[in-house]
Each structure stands twice: as C-alpha cells, then as structure tokens.
Amino acid sequence: MTNNPDEPSSFSVSRQGAAEQVMGDLRNRICQGVYPRGAKLPSERELATYYRVSGPTVREALRGLAATNLVRMRKGWACT
C-alpha cells in the first residue's frame, strides 16, 4: 500500500473476518517497515477505501493492533 489513497487497491477481503484480514495486512506492513515506528498511518477513511471495507471494520482492525501495542491513538493512529 502506498501513501496515495487515490491509487486503486489490489487487496481484497472476504466478508467473513474482514477486520482480521485488514489487521493482518497492516501488521505485516508495520513489521516490514512500510510504516516505521512513530509514522502516522493513513486515515481510517483512506484505509477503508484502500481495503474496500467499511470504516467500522478498519476501526476494529486498528483496535486489535492497539491491543497488541503495534499502534496507538494520538491525533490519528500511529505506529508504536
């Protein structure tokens, strides 16, 4: 995923477990250094557009990542 929310996504999720799939992909991107420590993540709206899911699905994924201390909420979500 680039930081350009206008770029079409090749990522697709199934209806079941969409939040888990988004969470897994974001976890991989954080661990690979796409989003380094302290980097601000794209907005929930941009992530929802990229992953082709709803805002609440993205929010659930981000909360799951927060529970594992990979991201935290400041003014927007950021990698920890």
PDB file of N, CA and C in Angstrom:
ATOM      1  N   MET A   1       0.848  -1.167   0.000  1.00  0.00           N
ATOM      2  CA  MET A   1       0.000   0.000   0.000  1.00  0.00           C
ATOM      3  C   MET A   1       0.889   1.223   0.000  1.00  0.00           C
ATOM      4  N   THR A   2       0.634   2.094  -0.882  1.00  0.00           N
ATOM      5  CA  THR A   2       1.347   3.350  -0.890  1.00  0.00           C
ATOM      6  C   THR A   2       0.617   4.336  -0.005  1.00  0.00           C
ATOM      7  N   ASN A   3       1.191   5.494   0.175  1.00  0.00           N
ATOM      8  CA  ASN A   3       0.530   6.524   0.962  1.00  0.00           C
ATOM      9  C   ASN A   3      -0.454   7.312   0.118  1.00  0.00           C
ATOM     10  N   ASN A   4      -0.665   6.908  -1.131  1.00  0.00           N
ATOM     11  CA  ASN A   4      -1.577   7.594  -2.016  1.00  0.00           C
ATOM     12  C   ASN A   4      -2.938   6.901  -1.968  1.00  0.00           C
ATOM     13  N   PRO A   5      -3.930   7.529  -1.289  1.00  0.00           N
ATOM     14  CA  PRO A   5      -5.232   6.874  -1.183  1.00  0.00           C
ATOM     15  C   PRO A   5      -5.995   6.828  -2.492  1.00  0.00           C
ATOM     16  N   ASP A   6      -5.545   7.576  -3.509  1.00  0.00           N
ATOM     17  CA  ASP A   6      -6.232   7.572  -4.791  1.00  0.00           C
ATOM     18  C   ASP A   6      -5.838   6.383  -5.654  1.00  0.00           C
ATOM     19  N   GLU A   7      -4.770   5.694  -5.273  1.00  0.00           N
ATOM     20  CA  GLU A   7      -4.308   4.539  -6.037  1.00  0.00           C
ATOM     21  C   GLU A   7      -5.238   3.361  -5.786  1.00  0.00           C
ATOM     22  N   PRO A   8      -5.690   2.694  -6.835  1.00  0.00           N
ATOM     23  CA  PRO A   8      -6.603   1.564  -6.638  1.00  0.00           C
ATOM     24  C   PRO A   8      -5.927   0.433  -5.871  1.00  0.00           C
ATOM     25  N   SER A   9      -6.713  -0.273  -5.106  1.00  0.00           N
ATOM     26  CA  SER A   9      -6.204  -1.359  -4.289  1.00  0.00           C
ATOM     27  C   SER A   9      -6.336  -2.692  -5.007  1.00  0.00           C
ATOM     28  N   SER A  10      -5.321  -3.525  -4.876  1.00  0.00           N
ATOM     29  CA  SER A  10      -5.415  -4.884  -5.382  1.00  0.00           C
ATOM     30  C   SER A  10      -5.744  -5.836  -4.236  1.00  0.00           C
ATOM     31  N   PHE A  11      -5.869  -5.288  -3.031  1.00  0.00           N
ATOM     32  CA  PHE A  11      -6.174  -6.079  -1.847  1.00  0.00           C
ATOM     33  C   PHE A  11      -7.664  -6.375  -1.840  1.00  0.00           C
ATOM     34  N   SER A  12      -8.026  -7.620  -1.580  1.00  0.00           N
ATOM     35  CA  SER A  12      -9.448  -7.943  -1.470  1.00  0.00           C
ATOM     36  C   SER A  12      -9.675  -8.752  -0.203  1.00  0.00           C
ATOM     37  N   VAL A  13     -10.789  -8.516   0.418  1.00  0.00           N
ATOM     38  CA  VAL A  13     -11.132  -9.227   1.643  1.00  0.00           C
ATOM     39  C   VAL A  13     -12.443  -9.954   1.448  1.00  0.00           C
ATOM     40  N   SER A  14     -12.585 -11.044   2.170  1.00  0.00           N
ATOM     41  CA  SER A  14     -13.868 -11.742   2.169  1.00  0.00           C
ATOM     42  C   SER A  14     -14.740 -11.104   3.239  1.00  0.00           C
ATOM     43  N   ARG A  15     -16.027 -11.316   3.151  1.00  0.00           N
ATOM     44  CA  ARG A  15     -16.932 -10.696   4.109  1.00  0.00           C
ATOM     45  C   ARG A  15     -16.698 -11.227   5.519  1.00  0.00           C
ATOM     46  N   GLN A  16     -16.385 -12.486   5.648  1.00  0.00           N
ATOM     47  CA  GLN A  16     -16.113 -13.051   6.967  1.00  0.00           C
ATOM     48  C   GLN A  16     -14.681 -12.738   7.354  1.00  0.00           C
ATOM     49  N   GLY A  17     -14.502 -12.198   8.528  1.00  0.00           N
ATOM     50  CA  GLY A  17     -13.158 -11.938   9.024  1.00  0.00           C
ATOM     51  C   GLY A  17     -12.461 -10.784   8.346  1.00  0.00           C
ATOM     52  N   ALA A  18     -13.213  -9.828   7.835  1.00  0.00           N
ATOM     53  CA  ALA A  18     -12.598  -8.706   7.129  1.00  0.00           C
ATOM     54  C   ALA A  18     -11.660  -7.927   8.047  1.00  0.00           C
ATOM     55  N   ALA A  19     -12.075  -7.678   9.278  1.00  0.00           N
ATOM     56  CA  ALA A  19     -11.236  -6.923  10.210  1.00  0.00           C
ATOM     57  C   ALA A  19      -9.935  -7.672  10.487  1.00  0.00           C
ATOM     58  N   GLU A  20     -10.022  -8.998  10.620  1.00  0.00           N
ATOM     59  CA  GLU A  20      -8.817  -9.788  10.875  1.00  0.00           C
ATOM     60  C   GLU A  20      -7.874  -9.742   9.680  1.00  0.00           C
ATOM     61  N   GLN A  21      -8.438  -9.753   8.481  1.00  0.00           N
ATOM     62  CA  GLN A  21      -7.602  -9.687   7.285  1.00  0.00           C
ATOM     63  C   GLN A  21      -6.923  -8.324   7.164  1.00  0.00           C
ATOM     64  N   VAL A  22      -7.669  -7.267   7.430  1.00  0.00           N
ATOM     65  CA  VAL A  22      -7.091  -5.919   7.389  1.00  0.00           C
ATOM     66  C   VAL A  22      -6.024  -5.800   8.470  1.00  0.00           C
ATOM     67  N   MET A  23      -6.328  -6.298   9.664  1.00  0.00           N
ATOM     68  CA  MET A  23      -5.369  -6.245  10.762  1.00  0.00           C
ATOM     69  C   MET A  23      -4.094  -7.009  10.402  1.00  0.00           C
ATOM     70  N   GLY A  24      -4.221  -8.171   9.793  1.00  0.00           N
ATOM     71  CA  GLY A  24      -3.052  -8.957   9.397  1.00  0.00           C
ATOM     72  C   GLY A  24      -2.207  -8.244   8.360  1.00  0.00           C
ATOM     73  N   ASP A  25      -2.860  -7.636   7.376  1.00  0.00           N
ATOM     74  CA  ASP A  25      -2.107  -6.920   6.351  1.00  0.00           C
ATOM     75  C   ASP A  25      -1.401  -5.709   6.939  1.00  0.00           C
ATOM     76  N   LEU A  26      -2.089  -4.945   7.781  1.00  0.00           N
ATOM     77  CA  LEU A  26      -1.452  -3.780   8.407  1.00  0.00           C
ATOM     78  C   LEU A  26      -0.296  -4.228   9.316  1.00  0.00           C
ATOM     79  N   ARG A  27      -0.497  -5.326  10.055  1.00  0.00           N
ATOM     80  CA  ARG A  27       0.575  -5.853  10.917  1.00  0.00           C
ATOM     81  C   ARG A  27       1.808  -6.180  10.075  1.00  0.00           C
ATOM     82  N   ASN A  28       1.601  -6.844   8.942  1.00  0.00           N
ATOM     83  CA  ASN A  28       2.722  -7.179   8.062  1.00  0.00           C
ATOM     84  C   ASN A  28       3.420  -5.923   7.565  1.00  0.00           C
ATOM     85  N   ARG A  29       2.658  -4.916   7.175  1.00  0.00           N
ATOM     86  CA  ARG A  29       3.246  -3.676   6.666  1.00  0.00           C
ATOM     87  C   ARG A  29       4.043  -2.944   7.740  1.00  0.00           C
ATOM     88  N   ILE A  30       3.537  -2.974   8.971  1.00  0.00           N
ATOM     89  CA  ILE A  30       4.257  -2.342  10.071  1.00  0.00           C
ATOM     90  C   ILE A  30       5.553  -3.106  10.341  1.00  0.00           C
ATOM     91  N   CYS A  31       5.472  -4.426  10.396  1.00  0.00           N
ATOM     92  CA  CYS A  31       6.659  -5.252  10.669  1.00  0.00           C
ATOM     93  C   CYS A  31       7.687  -5.167   9.552  1.00  0.00           C
ATOM     94  N   GLN A  32       7.239  -4.956   8.308  1.00  0.00           N
ATOM     95  CA  GLN A  32       8.160  -4.828   7.175  1.00  0.00           C
ATOM     96  C   GLN A  32       8.757  -3.434   7.061  1.00  0.00           C
ATOM     97  N   GLY A  33       8.295  -2.498   7.883  1.00  0.00           N
ATOM     98  CA  GLY A  33       8.852  -1.153   7.861  1.00  0.00           C
ATOM     99  C   GLY A  33       8.173  -0.201   6.901  1.00  0.00           C
ATOM    100  N   VAL A  34       7.062  -0.623   6.296  1.00  0.00           N
ATOM    101  CA  VAL A  34       6.324   0.298   5.425  1.00  0.00           C
ATOM    102  C   VAL A  34       5.873   1.496   6.254  1.00  0.00           C
ATOM    103  N   TYR A  35       5.451   1.235   7.482  1.00  0.00           N
ATOM    104  CA  TYR A  35       5.103   2.275   8.442  1.00  0.00           C
ATOM    105  C   TYR A  35       6.061   2.142   9.622  1.00  0.00           C
ATOM    106  N   PRO A  36       7.157   2.897   9.634  1.00  0.00           N
ATOM    107  CA  PRO A  36       8.133   2.770  10.720  1.00  0.00           C
ATOM    108  C   PRO A  36       7.590   3.325  12.037  1.00  0.00           C
ATOM    109  N   ARG A  37       8.298   3.035  13.097  1.00  0.00           N
ATOM    110  CA  ARG A  37       7.918   3.494  14.435  1.00  0.00           C
ATOM    111  C   ARG A  37       7.689   5.000  14.426  1.00  0.00           C
ATOM    112  N   GLY A  38       6.560   5.405  14.969  1.00  0.00           N
ATOM    113  CA  GLY A  38       6.220   6.820  15.054  1.00  0.00           C
ATOM    114  C   GLY A  38       5.533   7.379  13.821  1.00  0.00           C
ATOM    115  N   ALA A  39       5.484   6.598  12.738  1.00  0.00           N
ATOM    116  CA  ALA A  39       4.858   7.065  11.498  1.00  0.00           C
ATOM    117  C   ALA A  39       3.346   7.136  11.677  1.00  0.00           C
ATOM    118  N   LYS A  40       2.770   8.165  11.111  1.00  0.00           N
ATOM    119  CA  LYS A  40       1.312   8.297  11.143  1.00  0.00           C
ATOM    120  C   LYS A  40       0.714   7.417  10.054  1.00  0.00           C
ATOM    121  N   LEU A  41      -0.286   6.653  10.429  1.00  0.00           N
ATOM    122  CA  LEU A  41      -0.985   5.810   9.462  1.00  0.00           C
ATOM    123  C   LEU A  41      -1.954   6.661   8.652  1.00  0.00           C
ATOM    124  N   PRO A  42      -2.340   6.188   7.470  1.00  0.00           N
ATOM    125  CA  PRO A  42      -3.394   6.876   6.723  1.00  0.00           C
ATOM    126  C   PRO A  42      -4.671   6.936   7.568  1.00  0.00           C
ATOM    127  N   SER A  43      -5.553   7.852   7.238  1.00  0.00           N
ATOM    128  CA  SER A  43      -6.803   7.996   7.989  1.00  0.00           C
ATOM    129  C   SER A  43      -7.653   6.738   7.853  1.00  0.00           C
ATOM    130  N   GLU A  44      -8.587   6.588   8.774  1.00  0.00           N
ATOM    131  CA  GLU A  44      -9.498   5.447   8.702  1.00  0.00           C
ATOM    132  C   GLU A  44     -10.241   5.443   7.376  1.00  0.00           C
ATOM    133  N   ARG A  45     -10.629   6.605   6.897  1.00  0.00           N
ATOM    134  CA  ARG A  45     -11.346   6.702   5.624  1.00  0.00           C
ATOM    135  C   ARG A  45     -10.460   6.232   4.471  1.00  0.00           C
ATOM    136  N   GLU A  46      -9.197   6.648   4.474  1.00  0.00           N
ATOM    137  CA  GLU A  46      -8.277   6.224   3.410  1.00  0.00           C
ATOM    138  C   GLU A  46      -8.051   4.719   3.459  1.00  0.00           C
ATOM    139  N   LEU A  47      -7.897   4.176   4.654  1.00  0.00           N
ATOM    140  CA  LEU A  47      -7.706   2.733   4.791  1.00  0.00           C
ATOM    141  C   LEU A  47      -8.948   1.968   4.353  1.00  0.00           C
ATOM    142  N   ALA A  48     -10.122   2.488   4.705  1.00  0.00           N
ATOM    143  CA  ALA A  48     -11.368   1.835   4.298  1.00  0.00           C
ATOM    144  C   ALA A  48     -11.484   1.806   2.778  1.00  0.00           C
ATOM    145  N   THR A  49     -11.109   2.903   2.139  1.00  0.00           N
ATOM    146  CA  THR A  49     -11.148   2.964   0.675  1.00  0.00           C
ATOM    147  C   THR A  49     -10.145   1.982   0.084  1.00  0.00           C
ATOM    148  N   TYR A  50      -8.937   1.952   0.623  1.00  0.00           N
ATOM    149  CA  TYR A  50      -7.895   1.063   0.108  1.00  0.00           C
ATOM    150  C   TYR A  50      -8.316  -0.402   0.226  1.00  0.00           C
ATOM    151  N   TYR A  51      -8.803  -0.779   1.408  1.00  0.00           N
ATOM    152  CA  TYR A  51      -9.158  -2.179   1.645  1.00  0.00           C
ATOM    153  C   TYR A  51     -10.563  -2.533   1.162  1.00  0.00           C
ATOM    154  N   ARG A  52     -11.309  -1.530   0.733  1.00  0.00           N
ATOM    155  CA  ARG A  52     -12.688  -1.732   0.259  1.00  0.00           C
ATOM    156  C   ARG A  52     -13.574  -2.352   1.338  1.00  0.00           C
ATOM    157  N   VAL A  53     -13.471  -1.774   2.537  1.00  0.00           N
ATOM    158  CA  VAL A  53     -14.285  -2.194   3.671  1.00  0.00           C
ATOM    159  C   VAL A  53     -14.887  -0.947   4.307  1.00  0.00           C
ATOM    160  N   SER A  54     -15.723  -1.132   5.307  1.00  0.00           N
ATOM    161  CA  SER A  54     -16.354  -0.008   5.990  1.00  0.00           C
ATOM    162  C   SER A  54     -15.414   0.598   7.033  1.00  0.00           C
ATOM    163  N   GLY A  55     -15.737   1.801   7.441  1.00  0.00           N
ATOM    164  CA  GLY A  55     -14.972   2.469   8.498  1.00  0.00           C
ATOM    165  C   GLY A  55     -14.945   1.677   9.792  1.00  0.00           C
ATOM    166  N   PRO A  56     -16.101   1.163  10.243  1.00  0.00           N
ATOM    167  CA  PRO A  56     -16.076   0.358  11.470  1.00  0.00           C
ATOM    168  C   PRO A  56     -15.181  -0.886  11.377  1.00  0.00           C
ATOM    169  N   THR A  57     -15.065  -1.468  10.195  1.00  0.00           N
ATOM    170  CA  THR A  57     -14.185  -2.626  10.015  1.00  0.00           C
ATOM    171  C   THR A  57     -12.730  -2.201  10.222  1.00  0.00           C
ATOM    172  N   VAL A  58     -12.345  -1.067   9.647  1.00  0.00           N
ATOM    173  CA  VAL A  58     -10.981  -0.544   9.821  1.00  0.00           C
ATOM    174  C   VAL A  58     -10.745  -0.216  11.291  1.00  0.00           C
ATOM    175  N   ARG A  59     -11.721   0.422  11.918  1.00  0.00           N
ATOM    176  CA  ARG A  59     -11.588   0.790  13.327  1.00  0.00           C
ATOM    177  C   ARG A  59     -11.382  -0.451  14.193  1.00  0.00           C
ATOM    178  N   GLU A  60     -12.125  -1.525  13.903  1.00  0.00           N
ATOM    179  CA  GLU A  60     -11.960  -2.784  14.643  1.00  0.00           C
ATOM    180  C   GLU A  60     -10.554  -3.339  14.452  1.00  0.00           C
ATOM    181  N   ALA A  61     -10.050  -3.289  13.219  1.00  0.00           N
ATOM    182  CA  ALA A  61      -8.689  -3.770  12.942  1.00  0.00           C
ATOM    183  C   ALA A  61      -7.657  -2.940  13.701  1.00  0.00           C
ATOM    184  N   LEU A  62      -7.827  -1.623  13.705  1.00  0.00           N
ATOM    185  CA  LEU A  62      -6.880  -0.749  14.408  1.00  0.00           C
ATOM    186  C   LEU A  62      -6.932  -0.974  15.913  1.00  0.00           C
ATOM    187  N   ARG A  63      -8.104  -1.213  16.436  1.00  0.00           N
ATOM    188  CA  ARG A  63      -8.210  -1.508  17.870  1.00  0.00           C
ATOM    189  C   ARG A  63      -7.523  -2.827  18.205  1.00  0.00           C
ATOM    190  N   GLY A  64      -7.623  -3.789  17.303  1.00  0.00           N
ATOM    191  CA  GLY A  64      -6.912  -5.052  17.505  1.00  0.00           C
ATOM    192  C   GLY A  64      -5.410  -4.851  17.516  1.00  0.00           C
ATOM    193  N   LEU A  65      -4.917  -4.001  16.614  1.00  0.00           N
ATOM    194  CA  LEU A  65      -3.483  -3.703  16.587  1.00  0.00           C
ATOM    195  C   LEU A  65      -3.062  -2.926  17.834  1.00  0.00           C
ATOM    196  N   ALA A  66      -3.944  -2.065  18.322  1.00  0.00           N
ATOM    197  CA  ALA A  66      -3.648  -1.316  19.547  1.00  0.00           C
ATOM    198  C   ALA A  66      -3.549  -2.258  20.743  1.00  0.00           C
ATOM    199  N   ALA A  67      -4.373  -3.297  20.745  1.00  0.00           N
ATOM    200  CA  ALA A  67      -4.341  -4.275  21.838  1.00  0.00           C
ATOM    201  C   ALA A  67      -3.019  -5.025  21.878  1.00  0.00           C
ATOM    202  N   THR A  68      -2.342  -5.121  20.725  1.00  0.00           N
ATOM    203  CA  THR A  68      -1.041  -5.794  20.671  1.00  0.00           C
ATOM    204  C   THR A  68       0.108  -4.788  20.711  1.00  0.00           C
ATOM    205  N   ASN A  69      -0.215  -3.529  20.976  1.00  0.00           N
ATOM    206  CA  ASN A  69       0.770  -2.444  21.098  1.00  0.00           C
ATOM    207  C   ASN A  69       1.540  -2.158  19.814  1.00  0.00           C
ATOM    208  N   LEU A  70       0.942  -2.451  18.655  1.00  0.00           N
ATOM    209  CA  LEU A  70       1.591  -2.102  17.386  1.00  0.00           C
ATOM    210  C   LEU A  70       1.234  -0.694  16.938  1.00  0.00           C
ATOM    211  N   VAL A  71       0.078  -0.206  17.352  1.00  0.00           N
ATOM    212  CA  VAL A  71      -0.324   1.163  17.036  1.00  0.00           C
ATOM    213  C   VAL A  71      -0.918   1.789  18.294  1.00  0.00           C
ATOM    214  N   ARG A  72      -0.995   3.101  18.266  1.00  0.00           N
ATOM    215  CA  ARG A  72      -1.670   3.800  19.355  1.00  0.00           C
ATOM    216  C   ARG A  72      -2.399   5.003  18.777  1.00  0.00           C
ATOM    217  N   MET A  73      -3.390   5.432  19.499  1.00  0.00           N
ATOM    218  CA  MET A  73      -4.194   6.557  19.069  1.00  0.00           C
ATOM    219  C   MET A  73      -3.609   7.830  19.652  1.00  0.00           C
ATOM    220  N   ARG A  74      -3.309   8.767  18.777  1.00  0.00           N
ATOM    221  CA  ARG A  74      -2.939  10.117  19.206  1.00  0.00           C
ATOM    222  C   ARG A  74      -3.941  11.005  18.498  1.00  0.00           C
ATOM    223  N   LYS A  75      -3.489  11.907  17.697  1.00  0.00           N
ATOM    224  CA  LYS A  75      -4.373  12.625  16.778  1.00  0.00           C
ATOM    225  C   LYS A  75      -4.303  11.835  15.497  1.00  0.00           C
ATOM    226  N   GLY A  76      -5.066  10.753  15.441  1.00  0.00           N
ATOM    227  CA  GLY A  76      -4.943   9.771  14.372  1.00  0.00           C
ATOM    228  C   GLY A  76      -4.161   8.590  14.910  1.00  0.00           C
ATOM    229  N   TRP A  77      -4.080   7.536  14.145  1.00  0.00           N
ATOM    230  CA  TRP A  77      -3.371   6.324  14.559  1.00  0.00           C
ATOM    231  C   TRP A  77      -1.918   6.414  14.142  1.00  0.00           C
ATOM    232  N   ALA A  78      -1.009   5.917  14.982  1.00  0.00           N
ATOM    233  CA  ALA A  78       0.422   5.925  14.681  1.00  0.00           C
ATOM    234  C   ALA A  78       1.039   4.624  15.148  1.00  0.00           C
ATOM    235  N   CYS A  79       2.118   4.243  14.490  1.00  0.00           N
ATOM    236  CA  CYS A  79       2.861   3.035  14.881  1.00  0.00           C
ATOM    237  C   CYS A  79       3.615   3.315  16.164  1.00  0.00           C
ATOM    238  N   THR A  80       3.718   2.301  17.028  1.00  0.00           N
ATOM    239  CA  THR A  80       4.451   2.484  18.285  1.00  0.00           C
ATOM    240  C   THR A  80       5.793   1.828  18.230  1.00  0.00           C
TER     241      THR A  80
END
